[in-house]
Amino acid sequence: MANATVGSRGRITIPIKVRHALQLDRGDRVEFVAVAPGRFEFTAATQSVRALKGLFGKPKRPTAGNYCS
């Protein structure tokens, strides 16, 4: 188990084992997701927006790109 301490400015240093496991580098973003009252899951938010393509299916009406000649 890895531990971290909250500093005076509310910051924590993510232990190196955790950074390596999540493949985090300086400047990467992370998310804290509530999974139960008083419990959060910590995940890397490094996926490209392109990874969302197709997640919601095809649009029901034409998109702006379809109107261009």
C-alpha atoms as a PDB file:
ATOM      1  CA  MET A   1       0.000   0.000   0.000  1.00  0.00           C
ATOM      2  CA  ALA A   2       1.233   3.496  -0.828  1.00  0.00           C
ATOM      3  CA  ASN A   3       0.653   6.515   1.424  1.00  0.00           C
ATOM      4  CA  ALA A   4       0.721  10.267   0.842  1.00  0.00           C
ATOM      5  CA  THR A   5       0.443  13.281   3.135  1.00  0.00           C
ATOM      6  CA  VAL A   6      -1.632  16.381   2.413  1.00  0.00           C
ATOM      7  CA  GLY A   7       0.617  19.446   2.594  1.00  0.00           C
ATOM      8  CA  SER A   8      -0.252  22.909   3.897  1.00  0.00           C
ATOM      9  CA  ARG A   9      -1.505  23.998   0.443  1.00  0.00           C
ATOM     10  CA  GLY A  10      -3.719  20.916   0.032  1.00  0.00           C
ATOM     11  CA  ARG A  11      -1.304  19.185  -2.325  1.00  0.00           C
ATOM     12  CA  ILE A  12      -0.114  15.597  -2.222  1.00  0.00           C
ATOM     13  CA  THR A  13       2.875  13.925  -3.824  1.00  0.00           C
ATOM     14  CA  ILE A  14       1.837  10.761  -5.620  1.00  0.00           C
ATOM     15  CA  PRO A  15       4.240   7.963  -4.663  1.00  0.00           C
ATOM     16  CA  ILE A  16       6.540   6.838  -7.473  1.00  0.00           C
ATOM     17  CA  LYS A  17       5.125   3.272  -7.499  1.00  0.00           C
ATOM     18  CA  VAL A  18       1.648   4.686  -8.142  1.00  0.00           C
ATOM     19  CA  ARG A  19       2.907   7.112 -10.828  1.00  0.00           C
ATOM     20  CA  HIS A  20       4.640   4.265 -12.645  1.00  0.00           C
ATOM     21  CA  ALA A  21       1.619   1.956 -12.380  1.00  0.00           C
ATOM     22  CA  LEU A  22      -0.652   4.663 -13.845  1.00  0.00           C
ATOM     23  CA  GLN A  23       2.018   5.765 -16.343  1.00  0.00           C
ATOM     24  CA  LEU A  24       1.778   9.348 -15.100  1.00  0.00           C
ATOM     25  CA  ASP A  25       4.220  12.063 -16.071  1.00  0.00           C
ATOM     26  CA  ARG A  26       4.570  15.659 -14.935  1.00  0.00           C
ATOM     27  CA  GLY A  27       1.582  17.705 -16.098  1.00  0.00           C
ATOM     28  CA  ASP A  28      -0.766  14.719 -16.566  1.00  0.00           C
ATOM     29  CA  ARG A  29      -4.281  15.048 -15.196  1.00  0.00           C
ATOM     30  CA  VAL A  30      -5.949  12.675 -12.753  1.00  0.00           C
ATOM     31  CA  GLU A  31      -9.556  12.138 -11.689  1.00  0.00           C
ATOM     32  CA  PHE A  32     -11.057  11.391  -8.301  1.00  0.00           C
ATOM     33  CA  VAL A  33     -14.298   9.438  -8.753  1.00  0.00           C
ATOM     34  CA  ALA A  34     -16.696   8.929  -5.815  1.00  0.00           C
ATOM     35  CA  VAL A  35     -17.381   5.190  -5.529  1.00  0.00           C
ATOM     36  CA  ALA A  36     -19.080   5.154  -2.107  1.00  0.00           C
ATOM     37  CA  PRO A  37     -19.705   7.635   0.708  1.00  0.00           C
ATOM     38  CA  GLY A  38     -16.273   8.706   1.923  1.00  0.00           C
ATOM     39  CA  ARG A  39     -14.427   6.616  -0.733  1.00  0.00           C
ATOM     40  CA  PHE A  40     -12.872   7.805  -3.968  1.00  0.00           C
ATOM     41  CA  GLU A  41     -11.121   6.054  -6.822  1.00  0.00           C
ATOM     42  CA  PHE A  42      -8.024   7.747  -8.231  1.00  0.00           C
ATOM     43  CA  THR A  43      -7.416   7.253 -11.967  1.00  0.00           C
ATOM     44  CA  ALA A  44      -5.274   8.742 -14.696  1.00  0.00           C
ATOM     45  CA  ALA A  45      -7.211  11.062 -17.027  1.00  0.00           C
ATOM     46  CA  THR A  46      -4.736  10.758 -19.873  1.00  0.00           C
ATOM     47  CA  GLN A  47      -6.895   9.199 -22.588  1.00  0.00           C
ATOM     48  CA  SER A  48      -7.184  11.138 -25.800  1.00  0.00           C
ATOM     49  CA  VAL A  49     -10.589  12.534 -26.697  1.00  0.00           C
ATOM     50  CA  ARG A  50     -10.320  10.348 -29.811  1.00  0.00           C
ATOM     51  CA  ALA A  51     -10.802   7.310 -27.545  1.00  0.00           C
ATOM     52  CA  LEU A  52     -14.436   8.431 -27.145  1.00  0.00           C
ATOM     53  CA  LYS A  53     -15.178   8.060 -30.872  1.00  0.00           C
ATOM     54  CA  GLY A  54     -18.136   5.756 -31.434  1.00  0.00           C
ATOM     55  CA  LEU A  55     -19.030   5.599 -27.767  1.00  0.00           C
ATOM     56  CA  PHE A  56     -22.481   7.137 -28.354  1.00  0.00           C
ATOM     57  CA  GLY A  57     -23.270   5.600 -31.758  1.00  0.00           C
ATOM     58  CA  LYS A  58     -24.034   7.432 -34.984  1.00  0.00           C
ATOM     59  CA  PRO A  59     -25.839  10.797 -34.832  1.00  0.00           C
ATOM     60  CA  LYS A  60     -29.579  10.689 -35.617  1.00  0.00           C
ATOM     61  CA  ARG A  61     -29.409  13.856 -37.691  1.00  0.00           C
ATOM     62  CA  PRO A  62     -26.732  15.121 -40.081  1.00  0.00           C
ATOM     63  CA  THR A  63     -23.749  16.793 -38.509  1.00  0.00           C
ATOM     64  CA  ALA A  64     -22.289  20.143 -39.576  1.00  0.00           C
ATOM     65  CA  GLY A  65     -19.658  18.331 -41.667  1.00  0.00           C
ATOM     66  CA  ASN A  66     -22.380  16.868 -43.900  1.00  0.00           C
ATOM     67  CA  TYR A  67     -23.592  20.314 -44.994  1.00  0.00           C
ATOM     68  CA  CYS A  68     -20.271  21.371 -46.553  1.00  0.00           C
ATOM     69  CA  SER A  69     -19.753  20.901 -50.286  1.00  0.00           C
END
